[in-house]
């Protein structure tokens, strides 16, 4: 069994981007990071994104509207950022407070600045195999992990557990694309799928993104499978200072001996998400979201 080291691969991408940004003429790329409220995970994620941006030479502009911001005010803020030629990419940290319509907010971001890839136009471009768009960061990270681990999906049966807008749907579209490293055959499974283990056992590559700790067990896979575990679940652990530990959607201890390659949690898909956000931001700068 070989561990797919997301920390190392993300670190390689960040080093590549640092070189790329240093060579860019004119101003450096600028990423606007909008965080509404004080959700602890969101605070941590935005801080990590800001730090990584600084490491690469990207300007991270953090914007913290009050948690009481209305939908109209948030849309007006996005309109201002859309019109700002010094901003190349816009990310609105999810989840938003309950009174805000997340999908409407994502759709309001100008497609050429939608570096999180969650707007209608960019999802459509993925479906059309159009590389000028932005692929949402976790699916893009999954494809990069596979490519850099020598996994060619051509002719492989890829089973995706989960149908979310964030991971399941876009990663299935990416696997289907008619391009090098893709060309896989995809089955998407979800909560209404009948006889799930019979399908997961057919997977040459299994992508688990359902948000249920340890859901994938040894009897659900075939030996030699490649596993990408997207899940980040907190489970109680009295031995930890925090009182919990992070685990994936896969029962790692039971499943990893059977896999040919597998991502750990943490340290697998997570670091890739931030690296791909930066890659999208640099791409937005190159594609000319604003003048030099």
C-alpha atoms as a PDB file:
ATOM      1  CA  UNK A   1       0.000   0.000   0.000  1.00  0.00           C
ATOM      2  CA  UNK A   2       1.298   3.429  -0.990  1.00  0.00           C
ATOM      3  CA  UNK A   3       0.183   6.559   0.847  1.00  0.00           C
ATOM      4  CA  UNK A   4      -0.765   9.490  -1.417  1.00  0.00           C
ATOM      5  CA  UNK A   5       0.839  12.416   0.405  1.00  0.00           C
ATOM      6  CA  UNK A   6      -1.376  15.452  -0.159  1.00  0.00           C
ATOM      7  CA  UNK A   7       0.872  17.681   1.944  1.00  0.00           C
ATOM      8  CA  UNK A   8       3.876  16.939  -0.259  1.00  0.00           C
ATOM      9  CA  UNK A   9       1.995  17.290  -3.567  1.00  0.00           C
ATOM     10  CA  UNK A  10       0.361  20.561  -2.416  1.00  0.00           C
ATOM     11  CA  UNK A  11       3.787  21.819  -1.348  1.00  0.00           C
ATOM     12  CA  UNK A  12       5.163  21.013  -4.838  1.00  0.00           C
ATOM     13  CA  UNK A  13       2.312  22.953  -6.489  1.00  0.00           C
ATOM     14  CA  UNK A  14       2.838  25.936  -4.169  1.00  0.00           C
ATOM     15  CA  UNK A  15       6.564  25.974  -5.044  1.00  0.00           C
ATOM     16  CA  UNK A  16       5.680  25.914  -8.773  1.00  0.00           C
ATOM     17  CA  UNK A  17       3.215  28.776  -8.297  1.00  0.00           C
ATOM     18  CA  UNK A  18       5.744  30.843  -6.349  1.00  0.00           C
ATOM     19  CA  UNK A  19       8.102  30.659  -9.336  1.00  0.00           C
ATOM     20  CA  UNK A  20       5.260  31.456 -11.754  1.00  0.00           C
ATOM     21  CA  UNK A  21       4.073  34.500  -9.761  1.00  0.00           C
ATOM     22  CA  UNK A  22       7.616  35.844  -9.400  1.00  0.00           C
ATOM     23  CA  UNK A  23       7.898  35.853 -13.208  1.00  0.00           C
ATOM     24  CA  UNK A  24       4.586  37.653 -13.825  1.00  0.00           C
ATOM     25  CA  UNK A  25       4.902  41.193 -15.212  1.00  0.00           C
ATOM     26  CA  UNK A  26       3.033  44.050 -13.523  1.00  0.00           C
ATOM     27  CA  UNK A  27       1.065  43.717 -10.314  1.00  0.00           C
ATOM     28  CA  UNK A  28       0.773  40.470  -8.390  1.00  0.00           C
ATOM     29  CA  UNK A  29      -2.450  38.423  -8.473  1.00  0.00           C
ATOM     30  CA  UNK A  30      -5.083  39.463  -5.926  1.00  0.00           C
ATOM     31  CA  UNK A  31      -7.587  37.153  -4.226  1.00  0.00           C
ATOM     32  CA  UNK A  32     -10.525  38.627  -2.280  1.00  0.00           C
ATOM     33  CA  UNK A  33     -11.505  36.333   0.606  1.00  0.00           C
ATOM     34  CA  UNK A  34     -14.970  37.137   1.967  1.00  0.00           C
ATOM     35  CA  UNK A  35     -15.879  35.576   5.316  1.00  0.00           C
ATOM     36  CA  UNK A  36     -19.224  36.275   6.992  1.00  0.00           C
ATOM     37  CA  UNK A  37     -19.444  35.388  10.683  1.00  0.00           C
ATOM     38  CA  UNK A  38     -17.113  33.592  13.077  1.00  0.00           C
ATOM     39  CA  UNK A  39     -17.627  29.902  12.267  1.00  0.00           C
ATOM     40  CA  UNK A  40     -14.416  28.380  13.760  1.00  0.00           C
ATOM     41  CA  UNK A  41     -13.698  26.151  10.744  1.00  0.00           C
ATOM     42  CA  UNK A  42     -14.233  29.080   8.344  1.00  0.00           C
ATOM     43  CA  UNK A  43     -11.915  31.318  10.392  1.00  0.00           C
ATOM     44  CA  UNK A  44      -9.229  28.632  10.231  1.00  0.00           C
ATOM     45  CA  UNK A  45      -9.712  27.999   6.473  1.00  0.00           C
ATOM     46  CA  UNK A  46      -9.551  31.673   5.524  1.00  0.00           C
ATOM     47  CA  UNK A  47      -6.441  32.179   7.662  1.00  0.00           C
ATOM     48  CA  UNK A  48      -4.798  29.224   5.896  1.00  0.00           C
ATOM     49  CA  UNK A  49      -5.744  30.636   2.476  1.00  0.00           C
ATOM     50  CA  UNK A  50      -4.377  34.060   3.422  1.00  0.00           C
ATOM     51  CA  UNK A  51      -1.090  32.528   4.631  1.00  0.00           C
ATOM     52  CA  UNK A  52      -0.671  30.394   1.507  1.00  0.00           C
ATOM     53  CA  UNK A  53      -1.403  33.375  -0.749  1.00  0.00           C
ATOM     54  CA  UNK A  54       1.328  35.383   1.004  1.00  0.00           C
ATOM     55  CA  UNK A  55       3.738  32.465   0.625  1.00  0.00           C
ATOM     56  CA  UNK A  56       3.214  32.433  -3.153  1.00  0.00           C
ATOM     57  CA  UNK A  57       3.244  36.189  -3.644  1.00  0.00           C
ATOM     58  CA  UNK A  58      -0.520  36.541  -4.146  1.00  0.00           C
ATOM     59  CA  UNK A  59      -2.240  39.435  -2.374  1.00  0.00           C
ATOM     60  CA  UNK A  60      -4.896  38.015  -0.054  1.00  0.00           C
ATOM     61  CA  UNK A  61      -7.503  40.687   0.632  1.00  0.00           C
ATOM     62  CA  UNK A  62      -9.622  39.493   3.564  1.00  0.00           C
ATOM     63  CA  UNK A  63     -13.063  41.110   3.827  1.00  0.00           C
ATOM     64  CA  UNK A  64     -15.109  40.524   6.998  1.00  0.00           C
ATOM     65  CA  UNK A  65     -18.687  41.804   6.682  1.00  0.00           C
ATOM     66  CA  UNK A  66     -20.797  41.668   9.871  1.00  0.00           C
ATOM     67  CA  UNK A  67     -22.796  38.486  10.447  1.00  0.00           C
ATOM     68  CA  UNK A  68     -25.925  40.679  10.208  1.00  0.00           C
ATOM     69  CA  UNK A  69     -25.225  41.557   6.540  1.00  0.00           C
ATOM     70  CA  UNK A  70     -28.321  41.210   4.359  1.00  0.00           C
ATOM     71  CA  UNK A  71     -28.488  39.304   1.097  1.00  0.00           C
ATOM     72  CA  UNK A  72     -28.755  42.582  -0.853  1.00  0.00           C
ATOM     73  CA  UNK A  73     -25.713  44.038   0.932  1.00  0.00           C
ATOM     74  CA  UNK A  74     -23.617  40.925   0.287  1.00  0.00           C
ATOM     75  CA  UNK A  75     -24.573  40.901  -3.407  1.00  0.00           C
ATOM     76  CA  UNK A  76     -23.665  44.618  -3.588  1.00  0.00           C
ATOM     77  CA  UNK A  77     -20.254  43.817  -2.042  1.00  0.00           C
ATOM     78  CA  UNK A  78     -19.673  41.143  -4.684  1.00  0.00           C
ATOM     79  CA  UNK A  79     -20.697  43.590  -7.424  1.00  0.00           C
ATOM     80  CA  UNK A  80     -18.055  46.023  -6.107  1.00  0.00           C
ATOM     81  CA  UNK A  81     -15.379  43.293  -6.185  1.00  0.00           C
ATOM     82  CA  UNK A  82     -16.506  42.209  -9.674  1.00  0.00           C
ATOM     83  CA  UNK A  83     -15.939  45.791 -10.865  1.00  0.00           C
ATOM     84  CA  UNK A  84     -12.560  46.169  -9.133  1.00  0.00           C
ATOM     85  CA  UNK A  85      -9.830  45.684 -11.756  1.00  0.00           C
ATOM     86  CA  UNK A  86      -7.235  45.058  -9.054  1.00  0.00           C
ATOM     87  CA  UNK A  87      -9.074  41.897  -7.902  1.00  0.00           C
ATOM     88  CA  UNK A  88      -8.474  38.734  -9.958  1.00  0.00           C
ATOM     89  CA  UNK A  89     -10.341  36.164  -7.896  1.00  0.00           C
ATOM     90  CA  UNK A  90     -13.219  36.195  -5.395  1.00  0.00           C
ATOM     91  CA  UNK A  91     -13.938  33.495  -2.835  1.00  0.00           C
ATOM     92  CA  UNK A  92     -16.916  33.603  -0.483  1.00  0.00           C
ATOM     93  CA  UNK A  93     -16.218  31.189   2.360  1.00  0.00           C
ATOM     94  CA  UNK A  94     -18.876  28.524   2.848  1.00  0.00           C
ATOM     95  CA  UNK A  95     -21.010  27.901   4.869  1.00  0.00           C
ATOM     96  CA  UNK A  96     -22.754  31.269   5.017  1.00  0.00           C
ATOM     97  CA  UNK A  97     -25.144  32.157   7.870  1.00  0.00           C
ATOM     98  CA  UNK A  98     -28.579  30.595   7.392  1.00  0.00           C
ATOM     99  CA  UNK A  99     -30.326  33.844   6.376  1.00  0.00           C
ATOM    100  CA  UNK A 100     -28.175  34.132   3.232  1.00  0.00           C
ATOM    101  CA  UNK A 101     -28.784  32.300  -0.060  1.00  0.00           C
ATOM    102  CA  UNK A 102     -25.431  30.645  -0.771  1.00  0.00           C
ATOM    103  CA  UNK A 103     -26.179  29.599  -4.344  1.00  0.00           C
ATOM    104  CA  UNK A 104     -27.341  33.094  -5.315  1.00  0.00           C
ATOM    105  CA  UNK A 105     -24.116  34.491  -3.845  1.00  0.00           C
ATOM    106  CA  UNK A 106     -21.930  32.032  -5.804  1.00  0.00           C
ATOM    107  CA  UNK A 107     -23.815  32.884  -9.000  1.00  0.00           C
ATOM    108  CA  UNK A 108     -23.281  36.609  -8.483  1.00  0.00           C
ATOM    109  CA  UNK A 109     -19.476  36.303  -8.727  1.00  0.00           C
ATOM    110  CA  UNK A 110     -18.292  37.219 -12.238  1.00  0.00           C
ATOM    111  CA  UNK A 111     -17.332  33.946 -14.019  1.00  0.00           C
ATOM    112  CA  UNK A 112     -13.813  35.217 -14.817  1.00  0.00           C
ATOM    113  CA  UNK A 113     -13.239  35.838 -11.081  1.00  0.00           C
ATOM    114  CA  UNK A 114     -15.014  32.711  -9.788  1.00  0.00           C
ATOM    115  CA  UNK A 115     -11.835  30.950  -8.645  1.00  0.00           C
ATOM    116  CA  UNK A 116     -13.845  28.623  -6.393  1.00  0.00           C
ATOM    117  CA  UNK A 117     -15.516  27.308  -9.556  1.00  0.00           C
ATOM    118  CA  UNK A 118     -18.996  27.050  -8.035  1.00  0.00           C
ATOM    119  CA  UNK A 119     -20.866  29.402 -10.365  1.00  0.00           C
ATOM    120  CA  UNK A 120     -23.134  28.166 -13.161  1.00  0.00           C
ATOM    121  CA  UNK A 121     -20.803  29.206 -15.981  1.00  0.00           C
ATOM    122  CA  UNK A 122     -17.730  27.442 -14.631  1.00  0.00           C
ATOM    123  CA  UNK A 123     -19.592  24.234 -13.807  1.00  0.00           C
ATOM    124  CA  UNK A 124     -20.972  24.340 -17.358  1.00  0.00           C
ATOM    125  CA  UNK A 125     -17.464  24.759 -18.767  1.00  0.00           C
ATOM    126  CA  UNK A 126     -16.369  21.594 -16.921  1.00  0.00           C
ATOM    127  CA  UNK A 127     -19.255  19.739 -18.580  1.00  0.00           C
ATOM    128  CA  UNK A 128     -18.126  21.089 -21.972  1.00  0.00           C
ATOM    129  CA  UNK A 129     -14.424  20.184 -21.435  1.00  0.00           C
ATOM    130  CA  UNK A 130     -13.622  23.912 -21.707  1.00  0.00           C
ATOM    131  CA  UNK A 131     -10.279  24.572 -20.006  1.00  0.00           C
ATOM    132  CA  UNK A 132     -10.769  28.357 -19.868  1.00  0.00           C
ATOM    133  CA  UNK A 133     -13.072  27.925 -16.864  1.00  0.00           C
ATOM    134  CA  UNK A 134     -12.205  27.338 -13.217  1.00  0.00           C
ATOM    135  CA  UNK A 135     -12.655  23.889 -11.738  1.00  0.00           C
ATOM    136  CA  UNK A 136     -13.843  23.894  -8.132  1.00  0.00           C
ATOM    137  CA  UNK A 137     -10.847  23.387  -5.889  1.00  0.00           C
ATOM    138  CA  UNK A 138     -11.449  20.043  -4.168  1.00  0.00           C
ATOM    139  CA  UNK A 139     -12.300  18.149  -7.409  1.00  0.00           C
ATOM    140  CA  UNK A 140      -9.337  19.815  -9.149  1.00  0.00           C
ATOM    141  CA  UNK A 141      -7.148  18.723  -6.234  1.00  0.00           C
ATOM    142  CA  UNK A 142      -8.390  15.136  -6.491  1.00  0.00           C
ATOM    143  CA  UNK A 143      -7.484  14.986 -10.192  1.00  0.00           C
ATOM    144  CA  UNK A 144      -4.055  16.458  -9.454  1.00  0.00           C
ATOM    145  CA  UNK A 145      -3.438  13.906  -6.666  1.00  0.00           C
ATOM    146  CA  UNK A 146      -4.286  11.060  -9.042  1.00  0.00           C
ATOM    147  CA  UNK A 147      -2.198  12.431 -11.915  1.00  0.00           C
ATOM    148  CA  UNK A 148       0.852  13.075  -9.741  1.00  0.00           C
ATOM    149  CA  UNK A 149       0.553   9.617  -8.180  1.00  0.00           C
ATOM    150  CA  UNK A 150       0.732   7.983 -11.611  1.00  0.00           C
ATOM    151  CA  UNK A 151      -2.942   6.944 -11.731  1.00  0.00           C
ATOM    152  CA  UNK A 152      -4.259   7.149 -15.301  1.00  0.00           C
ATOM    153  CA  UNK A 153      -8.057   6.909 -15.263  1.00  0.00           C
ATOM    154  CA  UNK A 154      -8.413   5.860 -18.911  1.00  0.00           C
ATOM    155  CA  UNK A 155     -10.683   2.821 -19.048  1.00  0.00           C
ATOM    156  CA  UNK A 156     -10.843   2.607 -15.244  1.00  0.00           C
ATOM    157  CA  UNK A 157     -14.114   2.250 -13.346  1.00  0.00           C
ATOM    158  CA  UNK A 158     -14.307   5.212 -10.978  1.00  0.00           C
ATOM    159  CA  UNK A 159     -16.984   5.041  -8.281  1.00  0.00           C
ATOM    160  CA  UNK A 160     -17.876   8.355  -6.633  1.00  0.00           C
ATOM    161  CA  UNK A 161     -19.631   8.212  -3.257  1.00  0.00           C
ATOM    162  CA  UNK A 162     -21.624  11.427  -2.940  1.00  0.00           C
ATOM    163  CA  UNK A 163     -23.358  13.795  -5.367  1.00  0.00           C
ATOM    164  CA  UNK A 164     -22.633  17.204  -3.829  1.00  0.00           C
ATOM    165  CA  UNK A 165     -22.158  20.355  -5.897  1.00  0.00           C
ATOM    166  CA  UNK A 166     -18.839  20.826  -4.120  1.00  0.00           C
ATOM    167  CA  UNK A 167     -17.254  17.429  -4.892  1.00  0.00           C
ATOM    168  CA  UNK A 168     -19.340  14.546  -6.255  1.00  0.00           C
ATOM    169  CA  UNK A 169     -20.870  16.099  -9.376  1.00  0.00           C
ATOM    170  CA  UNK A 170     -17.828  18.068 -10.602  1.00  0.00           C
ATOM    171  CA  UNK A 171     -15.326  15.260  -9.968  1.00  0.00           C
ATOM    172  CA  UNK A 172     -17.520  12.844 -11.940  1.00  0.00           C
ATOM    173  CA  UNK A 173     -17.544  15.313 -14.863  1.00  0.00           C
ATOM    174  CA  UNK A 174     -13.744  15.686 -14.680  1.00  0.00           C
ATOM    175  CA  UNK A 175     -13.196  11.922 -14.748  1.00  0.00           C
ATOM    176  CA  UNK A 176     -15.417  11.697 -17.843  1.00  0.00           C
ATOM    177  CA  UNK A 177     -13.536  14.396 -19.760  1.00  0.00           C
ATOM    178  CA  UNK A 178     -11.941  13.433 -23.045  1.00  0.00           C
ATOM    179  CA  UNK A 179      -8.383  14.324 -22.114  1.00  0.00           C
ATOM    180  CA  UNK A 180      -5.126  12.885 -20.837  1.00  0.00           C
ATOM    181  CA  UNK A 181      -5.429  11.453 -17.336  1.00  0.00           C
ATOM    182  CA  UNK A 182      -9.238  11.258 -17.508  1.00  0.00           C
ATOM    183  CA  UNK A 183     -11.432   9.120 -19.847  1.00  0.00           C
ATOM    184  CA  UNK A 184     -12.739   7.044 -16.953  1.00  0.00           C
ATOM    185  CA  UNK A 185     -16.087   5.273 -16.622  1.00  0.00           C
ATOM    186  CA  UNK A 186     -18.064   6.751 -13.728  1.00  0.00           C
ATOM    187  CA  UNK A 187     -20.695   5.467 -11.329  1.00  0.00           C
ATOM    188  CA  UNK A 188     -22.094   8.006  -8.838  1.00  0.00           C
ATOM    189  CA  UNK A 189     -23.584   6.545  -5.663  1.00  0.00           C
ATOM    190  CA  UNK A 190     -25.614   8.357  -3.019  1.00  0.00           C
ATOM    191  CA  UNK A 191     -28.078   7.839  -0.163  1.00  0.00           C
ATOM    192  CA  UNK A 192     -30.743   6.364  -2.462  1.00  0.00           C
ATOM    193  CA  UNK A 193     -28.409   3.916  -4.240  1.00  0.00           C
ATOM    194  CA  UNK A 194     -29.538   0.281  -3.970  1.00  0.00           C
ATOM    195  CA  UNK A 195     -27.003  -2.443  -3.157  1.00  0.00           C
ATOM    196  CA  UNK A 196     -24.162   0.018  -2.653  1.00  0.00           C
ATOM    197  CA  UNK A 197     -21.397  -2.476  -1.683  1.00  0.00           C
ATOM    198  CA  UNK A 198     -21.886  -4.387  -4.949  1.00  0.00           C
ATOM    199  CA  UNK A 199     -21.081  -1.168  -6.836  1.00  0.00           C
ATOM    200  CA  UNK A 200     -18.183   0.005  -4.666  1.00  0.00           C
ATOM    201  CA  UNK A 201     -16.550  -3.434  -5.039  1.00  0.00           C
ATOM    202  CA  UNK A 202     -16.330  -2.805  -8.800  1.00  0.00           C
ATOM    203  CA  UNK A 203     -14.252   0.357  -8.332  1.00  0.00           C
ATOM    204  CA  UNK A 204     -10.708   0.574  -9.665  1.00  0.00           C
ATOM    205  CA  UNK A 205     -10.700   4.039  -8.100  1.00  0.00           C
ATOM    206  CA  UNK A 206     -13.039   4.971  -5.244  1.00  0.00           C
ATOM    207  CA  UNK A 207     -13.659   8.629  -4.363  1.00  0.00           C
ATOM    208  CA  UNK A 208     -15.456   8.883  -1.023  1.00  0.00           C
ATOM    209  CA  UNK A 209     -17.159  12.229  -0.313  1.00  0.00           C
ATOM    210  CA  UNK A 210     -20.262  11.642   1.797  1.00  0.00           C
ATOM    211  CA  UNK A 211     -19.308  13.042   5.210  1.00  0.00           C
ATOM    212  CA  UNK A 212     -19.838   9.859   7.225  1.00  0.00           C
ATOM    213  CA  UNK A 213     -16.964   8.732   9.412  1.00  0.00           C
ATOM    214  CA  UNK A 214     -15.528   5.311   8.561  1.00  0.00           C
ATOM    215  CA  UNK A 215     -18.429   4.499   6.209  1.00  0.00           C
ATOM    216  CA  UNK A 216     -16.352   2.531   3.670  1.00  0.00           C
ATOM    217  CA  UNK A 217     -15.349  -0.804   5.185  1.00  0.00           C
ATOM    218  CA  UNK A 218     -13.056  -3.595   3.971  1.00  0.00           C
ATOM    219  CA  UNK A 219     -15.932  -5.687   2.565  1.00  0.00           C
ATOM    220  CA  UNK A 220     -16.939  -2.785   0.284  1.00  0.00           C
ATOM    221  CA  UNK A 221     -13.771  -2.691  -1.824  1.00  0.00           C
ATOM    222  CA  UNK A 222     -11.738  -4.957  -4.051  1.00  0.00           C
ATOM    223  CA  UNK A 223      -8.018  -5.512  -3.462  1.00  0.00           C
ATOM    224  CA  UNK A 224      -5.760  -3.127  -5.358  1.00  0.00           C
ATOM    225  CA  UNK A 225      -8.240  -0.245  -5.428  1.00  0.00           C
ATOM    226  CA  UNK A 226      -7.009   3.364  -5.375  1.00  0.00           C
ATOM    227  CA  UNK A 227      -8.883   5.345  -2.704  1.00  0.00           C
ATOM    228  CA  UNK A 228      -9.318   9.108  -2.461  1.00  0.00           C
ATOM    229  CA  UNK A 229     -10.910   9.927   0.888  1.00  0.00           C
ATOM    230  CA  UNK A 230     -12.460  13.414   0.831  1.00  0.00           C
ATOM    231  CA  UNK A 231     -14.227  13.102   4.190  1.00  0.00           C
ATOM    232  CA  UNK A 232     -13.238  15.247   7.165  1.00  0.00           C
ATOM    233  CA  UNK A 233     -15.229  14.097  10.187  1.00  0.00           C
ATOM    234  CA  UNK A 234     -14.713  14.860  13.868  1.00  0.00           C
ATOM    235  CA  UNK A 235     -15.002  11.885  16.210  1.00  0.00           C
ATOM    236  CA  UNK A 236     -14.696  12.038  19.983  1.00  0.00           C
ATOM    237  CA  UNK A 237     -11.245  11.145  21.323  1.00  0.00           C
ATOM    238  CA  UNK A 238     -10.534  11.723  25.016  1.00  0.00           C
ATOM    239  CA  UNK A 239      -6.781  11.303  24.438  1.00  0.00           C
ATOM    240  CA  UNK A 240      -6.656  14.485  22.329  1.00  0.00           C
ATOM    241  CA  UNK A 241      -6.392  17.970  23.818  1.00  0.00           C
ATOM    242  CA  UNK A 242      -9.260  19.116  21.576  1.00  0.00           C
ATOM    243  CA  UNK A 243     -11.402  16.168  22.647  1.00  0.00           C
ATOM    244  CA  UNK A 244     -11.733  14.929  19.064  1.00  0.00           C
ATOM    245  CA  UNK A 245      -9.714  13.634  16.115  1.00  0.00           C
ATOM    246  CA  UNK A 246     -10.255  13.918  12.390  1.00  0.00           C
ATOM    247  CA  UNK A 247     -11.126  10.835  10.341  1.00  0.00           C
ATOM    248  CA  UNK A 248     -12.226  10.281   6.757  1.00  0.00           C
ATOM    249  CA  UNK A 249     -15.208   8.542   5.171  1.00  0.00           C
ATOM    250  CA  UNK A 250     -13.087   5.398   4.876  1.00  0.00           C
ATOM    251  CA  UNK A 251     -12.218   3.024   7.740  1.00  0.00           C
ATOM    252  CA  UNK A 252      -8.503   3.602   7.150  1.00  0.00           C
ATOM    253  CA  UNK A 253      -7.123   0.873   9.442  1.00  0.00           C
ATOM    254  CA  UNK A 254      -9.288  -1.859   7.895  1.00  0.00           C
ATOM    255  CA  UNK A 255      -9.216  -0.685   4.265  1.00  0.00           C
ATOM    256  CA  UNK A 256      -5.656   0.601   3.709  1.00  0.00           C
ATOM    257  CA  UNK A 257      -3.983  -2.861   3.695  1.00  0.00           C
ATOM    258  CA  UNK A 258      -6.181  -3.816   0.716  1.00  0.00           C
ATOM    259  CA  UNK A 259      -5.642  -0.612  -1.284  1.00  0.00           C
ATOM    260  CA  UNK A 260      -2.799  -0.077  -3.750  1.00  0.00           C
ATOM    261  CA  UNK A 261      -2.838   3.675  -3.007  1.00  0.00           C
ATOM    262  CA  UNK A 262      -4.847   5.701  -0.490  1.00  0.00           C
ATOM    263  CA  UNK A 263      -5.032   9.261   0.846  1.00  0.00           C
ATOM    264  CA  UNK A 264      -4.778   9.767   4.612  1.00  0.00           C
ATOM    265  CA  UNK A 265      -7.056  12.050   6.638  1.00  0.00           C
ATOM    266  CA  UNK A 266      -5.779  14.554   7.517  1.00  0.00           C
ATOM    267  CA  UNK A 267      -2.974  15.234   5.023  1.00  0.00           C
ATOM    268  CA  UNK A 268      -4.596  13.958   1.847  1.00  0.00           C
ATOM    269  CA  UNK A 269      -7.185  15.945  -0.106  1.00  0.00           C
ATOM    270  CA  UNK A 270      -7.383  18.880   2.367  1.00  0.00           C
ATOM    271  CA  UNK A 271      -4.074  20.609   1.548  1.00  0.00           C
ATOM    272  CA  UNK A 272      -4.807  20.267  -2.179  1.00  0.00           C
ATOM    273  CA  UNK A 273      -7.948  22.399  -1.976  1.00  0.00           C
ATOM    274  CA  UNK A 274      -5.991  25.498  -0.934  1.00  0.00           C
ATOM    275  CA  UNK A 275      -3.211  24.813  -3.474  1.00  0.00           C
ATOM    276  CA  UNK A 276      -5.759  24.587  -6.323  1.00  0.00           C
ATOM    277  CA  UNK A 277      -7.464  27.809  -5.196  1.00  0.00           C
ATOM    278  CA  UNK A 278      -4.111  29.541  -5.591  1.00  0.00           C
ATOM    279  CA  UNK A 279      -3.591  27.885  -8.969  1.00  0.00           C
ATOM    280  CA  UNK A 280      -6.982  29.195 -10.117  1.00  0.00           C
ATOM    281  CA  UNK A 281      -6.142  32.710  -8.845  1.00  0.00           C
ATOM    282  CA  UNK A 282      -2.879  32.799 -10.795  1.00  0.00           C
ATOM    283  CA  UNK A 283      -4.762  31.500 -13.855  1.00  0.00           C
ATOM    284  CA  UNK A 284      -7.351  34.296 -13.435  1.00  0.00           C
ATOM    285  CA  UNK A 285      -4.538  36.858 -13.360  1.00  0.00           C
ATOM    286  CA  UNK A 286      -3.018  35.350 -16.503  1.00  0.00           C
ATOM    287  CA  UNK A 287      -6.371  35.315 -18.302  1.00  0.00           C
ATOM    288  CA  UNK A 288      -6.681  39.005 -17.620  1.00  0.00           C
ATOM    289  CA  UNK A 289      -9.379  39.601 -15.046  1.00  0.00           C
ATOM    290  CA  UNK A 290      -7.898  43.075 -14.811  1.00  0.00           C
ATOM    291  CA  UNK A 291      -5.250  45.265 -16.463  1.00  0.00           C
ATOM    292  CA  UNK A 292      -1.565  44.919 -15.580  1.00  0.00           C
END
